[in-house]
Amino acid sequence: MIAPGFEPRFEPEGQTSAHRRWKWRVLLAFCAFYALSYLGRFNFSLIQTAVIADMGITRADTGWINSWMFWGFALGGLLHGRIAERIGYRVLLLYGAAGIGLFNFIASHATSVNGLLVPWALAGFFGAATWPRAWASSPSGGPVASGAGPSVWPAPRRASP
């Protein structure tokens, strides 16, 4: 039973049909972008055997190439939250998309292991920009550290602001 006055609203007040269409376009565009972003991150794993055969390198070499990409992603994950607070999430998302595309293109023209390592690591770094809120913080330490929000860490183990 729903209390009187608290019926769910499926149409927020003042929302026009043009606004609803805009929201759907943004949602679908972001879904397409994020799907392509994942393809950019994991495409090397799919073609690993072809790269081994084509370049005459070992499976261990391709493992190093992939690990550099994930280390680049980890470093980007640590930095992009703070950067996004300074320049905005949308701007960082655009830089991330452009970086993924550019460094995937550069990596596609590599002819050696060393030619793949750096562009692939940078593709990982820019790929982390597509999820900047994961590491976003604030001067107070964020809602988890300040105790203002839900936390997975007990209070004594949280960083104090």
C-alpha atoms as a PDB file:
ATOM      1  CA  MET A   1       0.000   0.000   0.000  1.00  0.00           C
ATOM      2  CA  ILE A   2       1.356   3.383  -0.994  1.00  0.00           C
ATOM      3  CA  ALA A   3       0.822   6.267   1.383  1.00  0.00           C
ATOM      4  CA  PRO A   4      -1.401   9.050   0.056  1.00  0.00           C
ATOM      5  CA  GLY A   5       0.583  11.712  -1.779  1.00  0.00           C
ATOM      6  CA  PHE A   6       3.471   9.322  -2.528  1.00  0.00           C
ATOM      7  CA  GLU A   7       2.195   7.741  -5.724  1.00  0.00           C
ATOM      8  CA  PRO A   8       5.013   7.022  -8.195  1.00  0.00           C
ATOM      9  CA  ARG A   9       5.307   9.585 -10.956  1.00  0.00           C
ATOM     10  CA  PHE A  10       6.276   8.317 -14.338  1.00  0.00           C
ATOM     11  CA  GLU A  11       6.278  11.823 -15.822  1.00  0.00           C
ATOM     12  CA  PRO A  12       8.288  14.386 -13.856  1.00  0.00           C
ATOM     13  CA  GLU A  13       6.519  17.713 -13.676  1.00  0.00           C
ATOM     14  CA  GLY A  14       7.385  20.111 -16.463  1.00  0.00           C
ATOM     15  CA  GLN A  15       9.099  17.501 -18.607  1.00  0.00           C
ATOM     16  CA  THR A  16       8.300  17.852 -22.286  1.00  0.00           C
ATOM     17  CA  SER A  17       8.251  15.114 -24.869  1.00  0.00           C
ATOM     18  CA  ALA A  18      11.297  16.772 -26.518  1.00  0.00           C
ATOM     19  CA  HIS A  19      13.192  16.437 -23.231  1.00  0.00           C
ATOM     20  CA  ARG A  20      12.262  12.760 -22.947  1.00  0.00           C
ATOM     21  CA  ARG A  21      13.467  12.148 -26.519  1.00  0.00           C
ATOM     22  CA  TRP A  22      16.723  13.981 -25.739  1.00  0.00           C
ATOM     23  CA  LYS A  23      17.263  11.807 -22.644  1.00  0.00           C
ATOM     24  CA  TRP A  24      16.775   8.636 -24.695  1.00  0.00           C
ATOM     25  CA  ARG A  25      19.187   9.858 -27.400  1.00  0.00           C
ATOM     26  CA  VAL A  26      21.830  10.620 -24.789  1.00  0.00           C
ATOM     27  CA  LEU A  27      21.324   7.240 -23.109  1.00  0.00           C
ATOM     28  CA  LEU A  28      21.563   5.305 -26.382  1.00  0.00           C
ATOM     29  CA  ALA A  29      24.583   7.319 -27.557  1.00  0.00           C
ATOM     30  CA  PHE A  30      26.387   6.650 -24.282  1.00  0.00           C
ATOM     31  CA  CYS A  31      25.546   2.937 -24.451  1.00  0.00           C
ATOM     32  CA  ALA A  32      27.001   2.751 -27.970  1.00  0.00           C
ATOM     33  CA  PHE A  33      30.089   4.701 -26.917  1.00  0.00           C
ATOM     34  CA  TYR A  34      30.682   2.525 -23.866  1.00  0.00           C
ATOM     35  CA  ALA A  35      30.275  -0.685 -25.881  1.00  0.00           C
ATOM     36  CA  LEU A  36      32.857   0.568 -28.391  1.00  0.00           C
ATOM     37  CA  SER A  37      35.108   1.616 -25.521  1.00  0.00           C
ATOM     38  CA  TYR A  38      35.064  -1.946 -24.202  1.00  0.00           C
ATOM     39  CA  LEU A  39      35.867  -3.255 -27.676  1.00  0.00           C
ATOM     40  CA  GLY A  40      38.869  -0.917 -27.731  1.00  0.00           C
ATOM     41  CA  ARG A  41      40.056  -2.274 -24.415  1.00  0.00           C
ATOM     42  CA  PHE A  42      39.653  -5.961 -25.100  1.00  0.00           C
ATOM     43  CA  ASN A  43      40.212  -6.270 -28.845  1.00  0.00           C
ATOM     44  CA  PHE A  44      43.838  -7.353 -28.451  1.00  0.00           C
ATOM     45  CA  SER A  45      42.802 -10.420 -26.465  1.00  0.00           C
ATOM     46  CA  LEU A  46      40.582 -11.469 -29.350  1.00  0.00           C
ATOM     47  CA  ILE A  47      43.330 -11.252 -31.986  1.00  0.00           C
ATOM     48  CA  GLN A  48      46.228 -12.428 -29.834  1.00  0.00           C
ATOM     49  CA  THR A  49      46.793 -15.671 -31.750  1.00  0.00           C
ATOM     50  CA  ALA A  50      46.786 -13.811 -35.078  1.00  0.00           C
ATOM     51  CA  VAL A  51      49.352 -11.326 -33.749  1.00  0.00           C
ATOM     52  CA  ILE A  52      51.585 -14.192 -32.584  1.00  0.00           C
ATOM     53  CA  ALA A  53      51.448 -15.802 -36.031  1.00  0.00           C
ATOM     54  CA  ASP A  54      51.789 -12.546 -37.975  1.00  0.00           C
ATOM     55  CA  MET A  55      54.613 -10.946 -35.978  1.00  0.00           C
ATOM     56  CA  GLY A  56      56.414 -14.121 -34.984  1.00  0.00           C
ATOM     57  CA  ILE A  57      56.356 -13.275 -31.272  1.00  0.00           C
ATOM     58  CA  THR A  58      55.675 -15.462 -28.260  1.00  0.00           C
ATOM     59  CA  ARG A  59      52.569 -15.764 -26.150  1.00  0.00           C
ATOM     60  CA  ALA A  60      54.554 -14.237 -23.286  1.00  0.00           C
ATOM     61  CA  ASP A  61      55.223 -11.158 -25.427  1.00  0.00           C
ATOM     62  CA  THR A  62      51.525 -10.681 -26.037  1.00  0.00           C
ATOM     63  CA  GLY A  63      50.966 -11.132 -22.315  1.00  0.00           C
ATOM     64  CA  TRP A  64      53.362  -8.243 -21.642  1.00  0.00           C
ATOM     65  CA  ILE A  65      51.546  -6.086 -24.199  1.00  0.00           C
ATOM     66  CA  ASN A  66      48.206  -6.767 -22.529  1.00  0.00           C
ATOM     67  CA  SER A  67      49.608  -6.214 -19.050  1.00  0.00           C
ATOM     68  CA  TRP A  68      50.987  -2.813 -20.087  1.00  0.00           C
ATOM     69  CA  MET A  69      47.501  -1.848 -21.243  1.00  0.00           C
ATOM     70  CA  PHE A  70      45.989  -2.835 -17.915  1.00  0.00           C
ATOM     71  CA  TRP A  71      48.743  -1.023 -15.971  1.00  0.00           C
ATOM     72  CA  GLY A  72      47.986   2.063 -18.067  1.00  0.00           C
ATOM     73  CA  PHE A  73      44.314   1.599 -17.202  1.00  0.00           C
ATOM     74  CA  ALA A  74      45.186   1.326 -13.499  1.00  0.00           C
ATOM     75  CA  LEU A  75      47.286   4.496 -13.569  1.00  0.00           C
ATOM     76  CA  GLY A  76      44.546   6.335 -15.420  1.00  0.00           C
ATOM     77  CA  GLY A  77      42.024   5.118 -12.869  1.00  0.00           C
ATOM     78  CA  LEU A  78      44.050   6.710 -10.101  1.00  0.00           C
ATOM     79  CA  LEU A  79      44.402  10.049 -11.881  1.00  0.00           C
ATOM     80  CA  HIS A  80      41.245  10.595 -13.904  1.00  0.00           C
ATOM     81  CA  GLY A  81      38.897  11.123 -10.969  1.00  0.00           C
ATOM     82  CA  ARG A  82      40.823  14.140  -9.760  1.00  0.00           C
ATOM     83  CA  ILE A  83      41.321  15.420 -13.326  1.00  0.00           C
ATOM     84  CA  ALA A  84      37.583  15.097 -13.986  1.00  0.00           C
ATOM     85  CA  GLU A  85      36.836  17.258 -10.958  1.00  0.00           C
ATOM     86  CA  ARG A  86      38.997  20.008 -12.471  1.00  0.00           C
ATOM     87  CA  ILE A  87      37.942  19.926 -16.137  1.00  0.00           C
ATOM     88  CA  GLY A  88      34.559  18.172 -15.934  1.00  0.00           C
ATOM     89  CA  TYR A  89      33.458  14.623 -16.606  1.00  0.00           C
ATOM     90  CA  ARG A  90      32.139  15.282 -20.105  1.00  0.00           C
ATOM     91  CA  VAL A  91      35.394  16.886 -21.254  1.00  0.00           C
ATOM     92  CA  LEU A  92      37.428  14.021 -19.782  1.00  0.00           C
ATOM     93  CA  LEU A  93      35.113  11.515 -21.450  1.00  0.00           C
ATOM     94  CA  LEU A  94      35.752  13.164 -24.824  1.00  0.00           C
ATOM     95  CA  TYR A  95      39.527  13.160 -24.235  1.00  0.00           C
ATOM     96  CA  GLY A  96      39.302   9.505 -23.266  1.00  0.00           C
ATOM     97  CA  ALA A  97      37.345   8.597 -26.396  1.00  0.00           C
ATOM     98  CA  ALA A  98      39.776  10.487 -28.626  1.00  0.00           C
ATOM     99  CA  GLY A  99      42.778   8.896 -26.866  1.00  0.00           C
ATOM    100  CA  ILE A 100      41.384   5.388 -27.203  1.00  0.00           C
ATOM    101  CA  GLY A 101      40.792   5.893 -30.911  1.00  0.00           C
ATOM    102  CA  LEU A 102      44.173   7.519 -31.571  1.00  0.00           C
ATOM    103  CA  PHE A 103      46.290   4.980 -29.707  1.00  0.00           C
ATOM    104  CA  ASN A 104      44.345   1.987 -31.051  1.00  0.00           C
ATOM    105  CA  PHE A 105      45.052   3.365 -34.532  1.00  0.00           C
ATOM    106  CA  ILE A 106      48.761   3.824 -33.749  1.00  0.00           C
ATOM    107  CA  ALA A 107      48.988   0.331 -32.221  1.00  0.00           C
ATOM    108  CA  SER A 108      47.362  -1.164 -35.314  1.00  0.00           C
ATOM    109  CA  HIS A 109      50.380  -0.034 -37.372  1.00  0.00           C
ATOM    110  CA  ALA A 110      53.015  -1.438 -35.003  1.00  0.00           C
ATOM    111  CA  THR A 111      55.485  -3.951 -36.383  1.00  0.00           C
ATOM    112  CA  SER A 112      57.224  -5.041 -33.165  1.00  0.00           C
ATOM    113  CA  VAL A 113      56.533  -5.778 -29.523  1.00  0.00           C
ATOM    114  CA  ASN A 114      58.033  -2.452 -28.483  1.00  0.00           C
ATOM    115  CA  GLY A 115      55.886  -0.714 -31.075  1.00  0.00           C
ATOM    116  CA  LEU A 116      52.789  -2.177 -29.414  1.00  0.00           C
ATOM    117  CA  LEU A 117      53.716  -1.696 -25.742  1.00  0.00           C
ATOM    118  CA  VAL A 118      53.618   2.098 -25.459  1.00  0.00           C
ATOM    119  CA  PRO A 119      50.558   2.874 -27.620  1.00  0.00           C
ATOM    120  CA  TRP A 120      48.655   0.036 -25.995  1.00  0.00           C
ATOM    121  CA  ALA A 121      49.567   1.303 -22.498  1.00  0.00           C
ATOM    122  CA  LEU A 122      48.417   4.794 -23.503  1.00  0.00           C
ATOM    123  CA  ALA A 123      45.196   3.339 -24.927  1.00  0.00           C
ATOM    124  CA  GLY A 124      44.612   1.777 -21.511  1.00  0.00           C
ATOM    125  CA  PHE A 125      45.379   5.068 -19.772  1.00  0.00           C
ATOM    126  CA  PHE A 126      42.844   6.926 -21.913  1.00  0.00           C
ATOM    127  CA  GLY A 127      40.397   4.033 -21.608  1.00  0.00           C
ATOM    128  CA  ALA A 128      40.285   4.648 -17.874  1.00  0.00           C
ATOM    129  CA  ALA A 129      38.930   8.130 -18.609  1.00  0.00           C
ATOM    130  CA  THR A 130      35.652   6.547 -19.690  1.00  0.00           C
ATOM    131  CA  TRP A 131      34.954   5.666 -16.049  1.00  0.00           C
ATOM    132  CA  PRO A 132      36.323   8.634 -14.077  1.00  0.00           C
ATOM    133  CA  ARG A 133      33.830   8.591 -11.230  1.00  0.00           C
ATOM    134  CA  ALA A 134      35.248   5.354  -9.873  1.00  0.00           C
ATOM    135  CA  TRP A 135      38.221   7.154  -8.319  1.00  0.00           C
ATOM    136  CA  ALA A 136      36.795  10.655  -8.038  1.00  0.00           C
ATOM    137  CA  SER A 137      37.572  12.263  -4.757  1.00  0.00           C
ATOM    138  CA  SER A 138      37.158  15.615  -3.115  1.00  0.00           C
ATOM    139  CA  PRO A 139      39.152  17.659  -0.611  1.00  0.00           C
ATOM    140  CA  SER A 140      37.070  16.132   2.204  1.00  0.00           C
ATOM    141  CA  GLY A 141      37.974  12.629   1.064  1.00  0.00           C
ATOM    142  CA  GLY A 142      34.604  12.013  -0.552  1.00  0.00           C
ATOM    143  CA  PRO A 143      31.399  10.710   1.018  1.00  0.00           C
ATOM    144  CA  VAL A 144      32.896   7.371   2.040  1.00  0.00           C
ATOM    145  CA  ALA A 145      35.923   8.789   3.839  1.00  0.00           C
ATOM    146  CA  SER A 146      33.963  11.607   5.486  1.00  0.00           C
ATOM    147  CA  GLY A 147      31.286   9.235   6.768  1.00  0.00           C
ATOM    148  CA  ALA A 148      28.531  11.030   4.825  1.00  0.00           C
ATOM    149  CA  GLY A 149      27.689   8.076   2.608  1.00  0.00           C
ATOM    150  CA  PRO A 150      27.553   4.303   2.553  1.00  0.00           C
ATOM    151  CA  SER A 151      30.842   2.595   3.176  1.00  0.00           C
ATOM    152  CA  VAL A 152      32.303  -0.838   2.667  1.00  0.00           C
ATOM    153  CA  TRP A 153      35.107  -0.052   5.120  1.00  0.00           C
ATOM    154  CA  PRO A 154      34.547   0.068   8.876  1.00  0.00           C
ATOM    155  CA  ALA A 155      35.030   3.577  10.304  1.00  0.00           C
ATOM    156  CA  PRO A 156      38.433   2.831  11.959  1.00  0.00           C
ATOM    157  CA  ARG A 157      39.899   1.642   8.626  1.00  0.00           C
ATOM    158  CA  ARG A 158      38.744   4.605   6.528  1.00  0.00           C
ATOM    159  CA  ALA A 159      41.149   7.370   5.681  1.00  0.00           C
ATOM    160  CA  SER A 160      40.541  10.380   7.845  1.00  0.00           C
ATOM    161  CA  PRO A 161      40.033  13.690   5.977  1.00  0.00           C
END
